[in-house]
Amino acid sequence: MAVTADPVRGNMRLKYEGLDETTWTYSVAKLDPAATAANLILIAEAVADLQSEMPIEILNSCEYELVFS
């Protein structure tokens, strides 16, 4: 028996500081889980340009499906 992990989807959350000391997040979902770090950096930079400010935190995650064979 073997277990493999197939990538399903990737997600990115960018956290911003609000004007009244609150925080809010901007999520980019359903990313290609095989994306390279350079691709993810380009997405984060594009979102930062659209928001006209840099995020205070960037979280990247990937979901996998375990396959038993």
PDB file of N, CA and C in Angstrom:
ATOM      1  N   MET A   1       0.845  -1.172   0.000  1.00  0.00           N
ATOM      2  CA  MET A   1       0.000   0.000   0.000  1.00  0.00           C
ATOM      3  C   MET A   1       0.899   1.246   0.000  1.00  0.00           C
ATOM      4  N   ALA A   2       0.484   2.238  -0.786  1.00  0.00           N
ATOM      5  CA  ALA A   2       1.225   3.492  -0.859  1.00  0.00           C
ATOM      6  C   ALA A   2       0.251   4.659  -0.757  1.00  0.00           C
ATOM      7  N   VAL A   3       0.741   5.741  -0.231  1.00  0.00           N
ATOM      8  CA  VAL A   3      -0.067   6.954  -0.126  1.00  0.00           C
ATOM      9  C   VAL A   3       0.665   8.055  -0.891  1.00  0.00           C
ATOM     10  N   THR A   4      -0.057   8.715  -1.795  1.00  0.00           N
ATOM     11  CA  THR A   4       0.502   9.861  -2.508  1.00  0.00           C
ATOM     12  C   THR A   4      -0.371  11.078  -2.233  1.00  0.00           C
ATOM     13  N   ALA A   5       0.189  12.247  -2.467  1.00  0.00           N
ATOM     14  CA  ALA A   5      -0.547  13.496  -2.249  1.00  0.00           C
ATOM     15  C   ALA A   5      -0.640  14.234  -3.573  1.00  0.00           C
ATOM     16  N   ASP A   6      -1.859  14.411  -4.061  1.00  0.00           N
ATOM     17  CA  ASP A   6      -2.094  15.155  -5.297  1.00  0.00           C
ATOM     18  C   ASP A   6      -2.534  16.576  -4.954  1.00  0.00           C
ATOM     19  N   PRO A   7      -1.861  17.593  -5.507  1.00  0.00           N
ATOM     20  CA  PRO A   7      -2.278  18.973  -5.220  1.00  0.00           C
ATOM     21  C   PRO A   7      -3.655  19.264  -5.804  1.00  0.00           C
ATOM     22  N   VAL A   8      -4.501  19.923  -5.033  1.00  0.00           N
ATOM     23  CA  VAL A   8      -5.870  20.238  -5.462  1.00  0.00           C
ATOM     24  C   VAL A   8      -5.998  21.710  -5.820  1.00  0.00           C
ATOM     25  N   ARG A   9      -5.657  22.596  -4.893  1.00  0.00           N
ATOM     26  CA  ARG A   9      -5.750  24.034  -5.144  1.00  0.00           C
ATOM     27  C   ARG A   9      -4.865  24.784  -4.174  1.00  0.00           C
ATOM     28  N   GLY A  10      -4.503  25.981  -4.545  1.00  0.00           N
ATOM     29  CA  GLY A  10      -3.716  26.832  -3.672  1.00  0.00           C
ATOM     30  C   GLY A  10      -4.505  28.082  -3.314  1.00  0.00           C
ATOM     31  N   ASN A  11      -4.146  28.681  -2.206  1.00  0.00           N
ATOM     32  CA  ASN A  11      -4.797  29.902  -1.733  1.00  0.00           C
ATOM     33  C   ASN A  11      -3.752  30.880  -1.215  1.00  0.00           C
ATOM     34  N   MET A  12      -4.051  32.158  -1.341  1.00  0.00           N
ATOM     35  CA  MET A  12      -3.174  33.189  -0.798  1.00  0.00           C
ATOM     36  C   MET A  12      -4.030  34.213  -0.067  1.00  0.00           C
ATOM     37  N   ARG A  13      -3.607  34.595   1.141  1.00  0.00           N
ATOM     38  CA  ARG A  13      -4.290  35.644   1.900  1.00  0.00           C
ATOM     39  C   ARG A  13      -3.315  36.762   2.166  1.00  0.00           C
ATOM     40  N   LEU A  14      -3.720  37.974   1.858  1.00  0.00           N
ATOM     41  CA  LEU A  14      -2.895  39.154   2.118  1.00  0.00           C
ATOM     42  C   LEU A  14      -3.589  39.962   3.198  1.00  0.00           C
ATOM     43  N   LYS A  15      -2.870  40.249   4.266  1.00  0.00           N
ATOM     44  CA  LYS A  15      -3.448  40.948   5.414  1.00  0.00           C
ATOM     45  C   LYS A  15      -3.004  42.405   5.391  1.00  0.00           C
ATOM     46  N   TYR A  16      -3.968  43.300   5.561  1.00  0.00           N
ATOM     47  CA  TYR A  16      -3.706  44.747   5.561  1.00  0.00           C
ATOM     48  C   TYR A  16      -4.142  45.352   6.879  1.00  0.00           C
ATOM     49  N   GLU A  17      -3.469  46.405   7.262  1.00  0.00           N
ATOM     50  CA  GLU A  17      -3.850  47.136   8.470  1.00  0.00           C
ATOM     51  C   GLU A  17      -4.841  48.220   8.079  1.00  0.00           C
ATOM     52  N   GLY A  18      -5.963  48.291   8.797  1.00  0.00           N
ATOM     53  CA  GLY A  18      -6.984  49.285   8.521  1.00  0.00           C
ATOM     54  C   GLY A  18      -6.641  50.642   9.102  1.00  0.00           C
ATOM     55  N   LEU A  19      -7.454  51.621   8.766  1.00  0.00           N
ATOM     56  CA  LEU A  19      -7.217  52.980   9.242  1.00  0.00           C
ATOM     57  C   LEU A  19      -7.455  53.131  10.737  1.00  0.00           C
ATOM     58  N   ASP A  20      -8.367  52.339  11.288  1.00  0.00           N
ATOM     59  CA  ASP A  20      -8.698  52.455  12.707  1.00  0.00           C
ATOM     60  C   ASP A  20      -8.076  51.317  13.524  1.00  0.00           C
ATOM     61  N   GLU A  21      -6.855  50.916  13.148  1.00  0.00           N
ATOM     62  CA  GLU A  21      -6.096  49.868  13.821  1.00  0.00           C
ATOM     63  C   GLU A  21      -6.748  48.496  13.753  1.00  0.00           C
ATOM     64  N   THR A  22      -7.680  48.308  12.843  1.00  0.00           N
ATOM     65  CA  THR A  22      -8.229  46.987  12.595  1.00  0.00           C
ATOM     66  C   THR A  22      -7.464  46.383  11.422  1.00  0.00           C
ATOM     67  N   THR A  23      -7.660  45.116  11.185  1.00  0.00           N
ATOM     68  CA  THR A  23      -7.010  44.478  10.044  1.00  0.00           C
ATOM     69  C   THR A  23      -8.072  43.827   9.168  1.00  0.00           C
ATOM     70  N   TRP A  24      -7.758  43.670   7.908  1.00  0.00           N
ATOM     71  CA  TRP A  24      -8.644  42.987   6.992  1.00  0.00           C
ATOM     72  C   TRP A  24      -7.792  42.195   6.015  1.00  0.00           C
ATOM     73  N   THR A  25      -8.380  41.210   5.391  1.00  0.00           N
ATOM     74  CA  THR A  25      -7.630  40.343   4.497  1.00  0.00           C
ATOM     75  C   THR A  25      -8.244  40.340   3.109  1.00  0.00           C
ATOM     76  N   TYR A  26      -7.402  40.082   2.148  1.00  0.00           N
ATOM     77  CA  TYR A  26      -7.804  39.932   0.754  1.00  0.00           C
ATOM     78  C   TYR A  26      -7.374  38.534   0.345  1.00  0.00           C
ATOM     79  N   SER A  27      -8.303  37.706  -0.098  1.00  0.00           N
ATOM     80  CA  SER A  27      -7.988  36.320  -0.431  1.00  0.00           C
ATOM     81  C   SER A  27      -7.970  36.099  -1.928  1.00  0.00           C
ATOM     82  N   VAL A  28      -6.984  35.349  -2.383  1.00  0.00           N
ATOM     83  CA  VAL A  28      -6.907  34.896  -3.770  1.00  0.00           C
ATOM     84  C   VAL A  28      -6.999  33.382  -3.701  1.00  0.00           C
ATOM     85  N   ALA A  29      -8.114  32.824  -4.169  1.00  0.00           N
ATOM     86  CA  ALA A  29      -8.355  31.392  -4.040  1.00  0.00           C
ATOM     87  C   ALA A  29      -8.225  30.692  -5.394  1.00  0.00           C
ATOM     88  N   LYS A  30      -8.178  29.399  -5.330  1.00  0.00           N
ATOM     89  CA  LYS A  30      -8.128  28.524  -6.506  1.00  0.00           C
ATOM     90  C   LYS A  30      -6.899  28.786  -7.371  1.00  0.00           C
ATOM     91  N   LEU A  31      -5.766  28.998  -6.732  1.00  0.00           N
ATOM     92  CA  LEU A  31      -4.515  29.144  -7.457  1.00  0.00           C
ATOM     93  C   LEU A  31      -4.018  27.775  -7.900  1.00  0.00           C
ATOM     94  N   ASP A  32      -3.212  27.744  -8.926  1.00  0.00           N
ATOM     95  CA  ASP A  32      -2.583  26.505  -9.374  1.00  0.00           C
ATOM     96  C   ASP A  32      -1.606  26.063  -8.291  1.00  0.00           C
ATOM     97  N   PRO A  33      -1.799  24.885  -7.697  1.00  0.00           N
ATOM     98  CA  PRO A  33      -0.908  24.461  -6.617  1.00  0.00           C
ATOM     99  C   PRO A  33       0.521  24.210  -7.086  1.00  0.00           C
ATOM    100  N   ALA A  34       0.728  24.097  -8.396  1.00  0.00           N
ATOM    101  CA  ALA A  34       2.073  23.885  -8.930  1.00  0.00           C
ATOM    102  C   ALA A  34       2.776  25.203  -9.244  1.00  0.00           C
ATOM    103  N   ALA A  35       2.163  26.325  -8.885  1.00  0.00           N
ATOM    104  CA  ALA A  35       2.756  27.635  -9.169  1.00  0.00           C
ATOM    105  C   ALA A  35       4.089  27.785  -8.436  1.00  0.00           C
ATOM    106  N   THR A  36       5.004  28.437  -9.083  1.00  0.00           N
ATOM    107  CA  THR A  36       6.313  28.658  -8.471  1.00  0.00           C
ATOM    108  C   THR A  36       6.253  29.867  -7.539  1.00  0.00           C
ATOM    109  N   ALA A  37       7.294  30.034  -6.755  1.00  0.00           N
ATOM    110  CA  ALA A  37       7.368  31.186  -5.855  1.00  0.00           C
ATOM    111  C   ALA A  37       7.326  32.490  -6.641  1.00  0.00           C
ATOM    112  N   ALA A  38       7.943  32.515  -7.809  1.00  0.00           N
ATOM    113  CA  ALA A  38       7.948  33.734  -8.629  1.00  0.00           C
ATOM    114  C   ALA A  38       6.533  34.111  -9.053  1.00  0.00           C
ATOM    115  N   ASN A  39       5.697  33.117  -9.399  1.00  0.00           N
ATOM    116  CA  ASN A  39       4.316  33.395  -9.768  1.00  0.00           C
ATOM    117  C   ASN A  39       3.539  33.978  -8.595  1.00  0.00           C
ATOM    118  N   LEU A  40       3.736  33.427  -7.413  1.00  0.00           N
ATOM    119  CA  LEU A  40       3.024  33.909  -6.230  1.00  0.00           C
ATOM    120  C   LEU A  40       3.462  35.317  -5.860  1.00  0.00           C
ATOM    121  N   ILE A  41       4.747  35.609  -6.031  1.00  0.00           N
ATOM    122  CA  ILE A  41       5.240  36.962  -5.755  1.00  0.00           C
ATOM    123  C   ILE A  41       4.600  37.960  -6.705  1.00  0.00           C
ATOM    124  N   LEU A  42       4.462  37.606  -7.977  1.00  0.00           N
ATOM    125  CA  LEU A  42       3.823  38.503  -8.944  1.00  0.00           C
ATOM    126  C   LEU A  42       2.376  38.790  -8.568  1.00  0.00           C
ATOM    127  N   ILE A  43       1.646  37.766  -8.108  1.00  0.00           N
ATOM    128  CA  ILE A  43       0.257  37.966  -7.687  1.00  0.00           C
ATOM    129  C   ILE A  43       0.203  38.900  -6.482  1.00  0.00           C
ATOM    130  N   ALA A  44       1.075  38.664  -5.494  1.00  0.00           N
ATOM    131  CA  ALA A  44       1.094  39.513  -4.299  1.00  0.00           C
ATOM    132  C   ALA A  44       1.441  40.951  -4.655  1.00  0.00           C
ATOM    133  N   GLU A  45       2.392  41.148  -5.564  1.00  0.00           N
ATOM    134  CA  GLU A  45       2.762  42.501  -5.980  1.00  0.00           C
ATOM    135  C   GLU A  45       1.619  43.177  -6.735  1.00  0.00           C
ATOM    136  N   ALA A  46       0.902  42.429  -7.559  1.00  0.00           N
ATOM    137  CA  ALA A  46      -0.220  42.997  -8.302  1.00  0.00           C
ATOM    138  C   ALA A  46      -1.325  43.456  -7.354  1.00  0.00           C
ATOM    139  N   VAL A  47      -1.642  42.642  -6.355  1.00  0.00           N
ATOM    140  CA  VAL A  47      -2.671  43.021  -5.382  1.00  0.00           C
ATOM    141  C   VAL A  47      -2.221  44.247  -4.593  1.00  0.00           C
ATOM    142  N   ALA A  48      -0.952  44.285  -4.196  1.00  0.00           N
ATOM    143  CA  ALA A  48      -0.434  45.441  -3.454  1.00  0.00           C
ATOM    144  C   ALA A  48      -0.524  46.708  -4.307  1.00  0.00           C
ATOM    145  N   ASP A  49      -0.232  46.598  -5.611  1.00  0.00           N
ATOM    146  CA  ASP A  49      -0.353  47.754  -6.503  1.00  0.00           C
ATOM    147  C   ASP A  49      -1.802  48.226  -6.603  1.00  0.00           C
ATOM    148  N   LEU A  50      -2.741  47.267  -6.697  1.00  0.00           N
ATOM    149  CA  LEU A  50      -4.158  47.634  -6.784  1.00  0.00           C
ATOM    150  C   LEU A  50      -4.642  48.297  -5.497  1.00  0.00           C
ATOM    151  N   GLN A  51      -4.123  47.863  -4.362  1.00  0.00           N
ATOM    152  CA  GLN A  51      -4.542  48.421  -3.071  1.00  0.00           C
ATOM    153  C   GLN A  51      -3.772  49.685  -2.707  1.00  0.00           C
ATOM    154  N   SER A  52      -2.721  49.990  -3.450  1.00  0.00           N
ATOM    155  CA  SER A  52      -1.860  51.165  -3.212  1.00  0.00           C
ATOM    156  C   SER A  52      -1.187  51.133  -1.845  1.00  0.00           C
ATOM    157  N   GLU A  53      -0.974  49.967  -1.299  1.00  0.00           N
ATOM    158  CA  GLU A  53      -0.232  49.814  -0.054  1.00  0.00           C
ATOM    159  C   GLU A  53       0.275  48.381   0.052  1.00  0.00           C
ATOM    160  N   MET A  54       1.294  48.195   0.851  1.00  0.00           N
ATOM    161  CA  MET A  54       1.884  46.876   1.034  1.00  0.00           C
ATOM    162  C   MET A  54       1.149  46.123   2.145  1.00  0.00           C
ATOM    163  N   PRO A  55       0.931  44.825   1.958  1.00  0.00           N
ATOM    164  CA  PRO A  55       0.293  44.048   3.023  1.00  0.00           C
ATOM    165  C   PRO A  55       1.242  43.884   4.205  1.00  0.00           C
ATOM    166  N   ILE A  56       0.665  43.671   5.401  1.00  0.00           N
ATOM    167  CA  ILE A  56       1.490  43.467   6.580  1.00  0.00           C
ATOM    168  C   ILE A  56       1.789  41.984   6.788  1.00  0.00           C
ATOM    169  N   GLU A  57       1.070  41.117   6.079  1.00  0.00           N
ATOM    170  CA  GLU A  57       1.307  39.679   6.202  1.00  0.00           C
ATOM    171  C   GLU A  57       0.783  38.992   4.951  1.00  0.00           C
ATOM    172  N   ILE A  58       1.515  37.991   4.480  1.00  0.00           N
ATOM    173  CA  ILE A  58       1.079  37.192   3.330  1.00  0.00           C
ATOM    174  C   ILE A  58       1.116  35.731   3.747  1.00  0.00           C
ATOM    175  N   LEU A  59      -0.014  35.052   3.595  1.00  0.00           N
ATOM    176  CA  LEU A  59      -0.107  33.632   3.924  1.00  0.00           C
ATOM    177  C   LEU A  59      -0.416  32.857   2.651  1.00  0.00           C
ATOM    178  N   ASN A  60       0.334  31.807   2.409  1.00  0.00           N
ATOM    179  CA  ASN A  60       0.110  30.975   1.237  1.00  0.00           C
ATOM    180  C   ASN A  60      -0.118  29.545   1.722  1.00  0.00           C
ATOM    181  N   SER A  61      -1.118  28.884   1.159  1.00  0.00           N
ATOM    182  CA  SER A  61      -1.377  27.503   1.537  1.00  0.00           C
ATOM    183  C   SER A  61      -1.777  26.705   0.307  1.00  0.00           C
ATOM    184  N   CYS A  62      -1.635  25.413   0.410  1.00  0.00           N
ATOM    185  CA  CYS A  62      -1.996  24.525  -0.686  1.00  0.00           C
ATOM    186  C   CYS A  62      -2.744  23.338  -0.106  1.00  0.00           C
ATOM    187  N   GLU A  63      -3.820  22.923  -0.767  1.00  0.00           N
ATOM    188  CA  GLU A  63      -4.591  21.768  -0.323  1.00  0.00           C
ATOM    189  C   GLU A  63      -4.202  20.557  -1.163  1.00  0.00           C
ATOM    190  N   TYR A  64      -4.078  19.426  -0.491  1.00  0.00           N
ATOM    191  CA  TYR A  64      -3.720  18.183  -1.161  1.00  0.00           C
ATOM    192  C   TYR A  64      -4.783  17.129  -0.900  1.00  0.00           C
ATOM    193  N   GLU A  65      -4.922  16.208  -1.821  1.00  0.00           N
ATOM    194  CA  GLU A  65      -5.808  15.063  -1.651  1.00  0.00           C
ATOM    195  C   GLU A  65      -4.928  13.839  -1.491  1.00  0.00           C
ATOM    196  N   LEU A  66      -5.110  13.106  -0.394  1.00  0.00           N
ATOM    197  CA  LEU A  66      -4.333  11.890  -0.179  1.00  0.00           C
ATOM    198  C   LEU A  66      -4.964  10.749  -0.966  1.00  0.00           C
ATOM    199  N   VAL A  67      -4.137  10.020  -1.708  1.00  0.00           N
ATOM    200  CA  VAL A  67      -4.611   8.922  -2.552  1.00  0.00           C
ATOM    201  C   VAL A  67      -3.953   7.629  -2.064  1.00  0.00           C
ATOM    202  N   PHE A  68      -4.763   6.680  -1.686  1.00  0.00           N
ATOM    203  CA  PHE A  68      -4.273   5.388  -1.227  1.00  0.00           C
ATOM    204  C   PHE A  68      -4.288   4.415  -2.405  1.00  0.00           C
ATOM    205  N   SER A  69      -3.175   3.717  -2.604  1.00  0.00           N
ATOM    206  CA  SER A  69      -3.138   2.713  -3.682  1.00  0.00           C
ATOM    207  C   SER A  69      -2.415   1.463  -3.229  1.00  0.00           C
TER     208      SER A  69
END
